[in-house]
Protein backbone atom coordinates (compact mmCIF):
# COMPACT_ATOMS: atom_id res chain seq x y z
CA MET A 1 -0.03 21.48 -1.39
CA GLU A 2 0.12 22.42 2.27
CA ARG A 3 -2.87 20.25 3.20
CA PHE A 4 -1.43 17.20 1.41
CA GLU A 5 1.92 17.74 3.09
CA SER A 6 0.20 18.10 6.46
CA PHE A 7 -1.79 14.91 5.78
CA ILE A 8 1.41 12.96 5.06
CA ASN A 9 3.08 14.28 8.20
CA THR A 10 0.07 13.65 10.43
CA GLU A 11 -0.98 10.24 9.11
CA PHE A 12 2.37 8.61 8.31
CA ILE A 13 5.20 10.48 10.03
CA GLY A 14 3.55 11.39 13.34
CA GLU A 15 5.01 14.88 13.54
CA GLN A 16 5.55 17.89 11.32
CA VAL A 17 8.88 17.47 9.51
CA ASN A 18 10.28 19.17 6.42
CA PHE A 19 9.95 17.88 2.86
CA GLU A 20 13.36 16.20 2.68
CA ASP A 21 12.72 14.31 5.93
CA TYR A 22 9.25 12.95 5.14
CA LYS A 23 10.30 12.06 1.61
CA THR A 24 13.26 10.06 2.96
CA ILE A 25 11.12 8.39 5.63
CA LEU A 26 8.57 7.27 3.03
CA GLN A 27 11.30 6.06 0.67
CA ASN A 28 13.02 4.07 3.42
CA ARG A 29 9.71 2.52 4.46
CA PHE A 30 9.65 0.42 1.28
CA LYS A 31 13.37 -0.29 0.77
CA LYS A 32 12.88 -4.07 1.27
CA LEU A 33 9.80 -4.25 -0.97
CA LYS A 34 10.13 -6.58 -3.95
CA LYS A 35 9.00 -3.89 -6.35
CA HIS A 36 9.09 -6.10 -9.43
CA LEU A 37 6.22 -8.16 -7.97
CA CYS A 38 3.91 -5.17 -7.40
CA LEU A 39 0.84 -4.34 -9.44
CA PRO A 40 1.30 -1.63 -12.09
CA ILE A 41 -0.37 1.11 -10.01
CA GLN A 42 1.82 0.16 -7.03
CA LYS A 43 4.97 0.21 -9.18
CA THR A 44 4.10 3.66 -10.49
CA PHE A 45 3.43 4.94 -6.97
CA ILE A 46 6.75 3.53 -5.69
CA GLN A 47 8.63 5.02 -8.65
CA ARG A 48 7.14 8.41 -7.85
CA LEU A 49 7.95 8.02 -4.14
CA ASP A 50 11.53 7.08 -5.01
CA SER A 51 11.87 9.96 -7.46
CA GLN A 52 14.93 12.13 -6.96
CA LEU A 53 12.91 15.31 -7.52
CA ASP A 54 14.17 17.95 -5.11
CA ASP A 55 11.28 20.34 -5.70
CA LYS A 56 8.56 19.73 -3.11
CA ASN A 57 5.68 20.87 -5.35
CA ALA A 58 6.84 18.76 -8.29
CA TRP A 59 7.27 15.70 -6.04
CA LEU A 60 3.86 16.08 -4.38
CA ASN A 61 2.20 16.65 -7.77
CA SER A 62 3.93 13.54 -9.08
CA ILE A 63 2.60 11.50 -6.16
CA SER A 64 -0.89 12.92 -6.63
CA GLN A 65 -0.79 12.14 -10.36
CA SER A 66 0.10 8.51 -9.66
CA VAL A 67 -2.63 8.11 -7.01
CA VAL A 68 -5.65 9.88 -8.52
CA GLY A 69 -4.54 10.73 -12.05
CA LYS A 70 -4.27 14.49 -11.69
CA PRO A 71 -1.92 17.04 -10.15
CA LEU A 72 -2.88 18.92 -7.00
CA ASN A 73 -3.41 22.23 -8.80
CA ASN A 74 -6.27 20.69 -10.86
CA PHE A 75 -8.16 19.41 -7.80
CA LYS A 76 -11.78 19.93 -6.88
CA ASP A 77 -12.86 19.49 -3.25
CA GLU A 78 -13.90 15.85 -3.69
CA ASP A 79 -10.54 14.99 -5.30
CA GLU A 80 -8.70 15.79 -2.08
CA PHE A 81 -10.65 13.17 -0.12
CA ALA A 82 -10.12 10.60 -2.87
CA LEU A 83 -6.37 11.34 -2.79
CA TYR A 84 -6.19 10.82 0.98
CA ASP A 85 -8.21 7.61 0.85
CA LYS A 86 -6.30 6.07 -2.06
CA PHE A 87 -2.94 7.20 -0.66
CA LYS A 88 -3.72 5.49 2.67
CA THR A 89 -4.79 2.33 0.86
CA LEU A 90 -1.64 2.24 -1.27
CA ILE A 91 0.61 2.75 1.75
CA SER A 92 -1.24 0.03 3.68
CA ASP A 93 -1.06 -2.39 0.75
CA LEU A 94 2.64 -1.71 0.26
CA ASP A 95 3.29 -2.15 3.99
CA SER A 96 1.70 -5.61 3.78
CA LEU A 97 3.70 -6.47 0.66
CA THR A 98 6.89 -5.28 2.36
CA ASN A 99 6.21 -7.73 5.17
CA LEU A 100 5.76 -10.50 2.61
CA SER A 101 8.95 -9.40 0.84
CA GLU A 102 10.92 -10.03 4.00
CA GLU A 103 10.05 -13.72 3.85
CA ASP A 104 12.69 -15.91 2.20
CA VAL A 105 10.73 -17.04 -0.86
CA ASN A 106 11.74 -18.69 -4.10
CA GLU A 107 9.62 -16.56 -6.44
CA GLU A 108 9.87 -19.07 -9.26
CA THR A 109 8.42 -22.01 -7.34
CA GLU A 110 6.42 -20.54 -4.43
CA GLU A 111 3.58 -18.17 -3.64
CA VAL A 112 3.29 -16.47 -0.27
CA PHE A 113 0.03 -15.14 1.15
CA GLY A 114 -0.42 -13.08 4.25
CA ILE A 115 -3.56 -13.32 6.38
CA GLU A 116 -4.37 -11.15 9.37
CA PHE A 117 -7.32 -11.34 11.73
CA SER A 118 -7.81 -8.68 14.38
CA SER A 119 -10.11 -8.73 17.37
CA PHE A 120 -10.18 -7.09 20.76
CA SER A 121 -10.57 -10.39 22.56
CA GLU A 122 -7.79 -12.33 20.79
CA GLY A 123 -5.56 -9.55 19.47
CA ILE A 124 -3.92 -9.72 16.09
CA LYS A 125 -3.21 -13.07 14.50
CA LYS A 126 -0.90 -12.92 11.49
CA SER A 127 -0.06 -15.86 9.33
CA PHE A 128 2.01 -16.37 6.20
CA ILE A 129 1.05 -19.23 3.95
CA ARG A 130 3.67 -20.64 1.58
CA LEU A 131 2.49 -22.81 -1.27
CA PRO A 132 4.14 -24.27 -4.32
CA LYS A 133 3.02 -22.43 -7.45
CA ALA A 134 1.37 -25.66 -8.60
CA LYS A 135 -1.20 -25.16 -5.84
CA SER A 136 -1.84 -21.46 -6.51
CA PHE A 137 -4.97 -22.20 -8.59
CA GLU A 138 -6.41 -24.17 -5.68
CA ALA A 139 -5.48 -21.39 -3.23
CA ASN A 140 -7.10 -18.75 -5.45
CA SER A 141 -10.28 -20.85 -5.60
CA MET A 142 -10.33 -21.04 -1.81
CA GLN A 143 -9.85 -17.28 -1.58
CA VAL A 144 -12.81 -16.70 -3.90
CA ASN A 145 -14.97 -19.08 -1.84
CA ILE A 146 -14.02 -17.37 1.44
CA LYS A 147 -14.88 -13.95 0.01
CA LYS A 148 -18.23 -15.25 -1.28
CA SER A 149 -19.04 -16.76 2.11
CA LEU A 150 -18.19 -13.59 3.99
CA THR A 151 -20.00 -11.22 1.65
CA LYS A 152 -23.37 -12.79 2.44
CA ASP A 153 -23.23 -10.92 5.73
CA LYS A 154 -22.48 -7.26 5.00
CA THR A 155 -20.88 -6.81 8.43
CA LEU A 156 -18.18 -9.33 7.49
CA LEU A 157 -17.02 -7.76 4.22
CA LEU A 158 -13.31 -7.98 3.41
């Protein structure tokens, strides 16, 4: 419990704060997220984050259960690393989706994609692409082709 709590504080809060504070900070982080558009695992994670559980151990176990499928008290050593890795990935994915959620999008007629390229020489280039849903098949085909092209060189994996 203590190590997971320390991980959350170190990696996502930036300082050691109490349970109520880091829980509120994490909940507020995703207030603008369009939760109904998330994948099932993301929805479950968000529901657990937003849980009104006041007991720290129950809340942390709930988060762990949603991320790796088991509570903290049933962990083996390798489970802890999997929890940290998957937790970071979920938070990162939800951060990106929160950014997309802030765009003014008609969900019935449009799709929005976010692309980000980072380099030391040119910095970070972010782009949002808005397409009518009628073109989403074409966009998905392009995405598949880009991934195939990049995966030929293992140093360029996405």
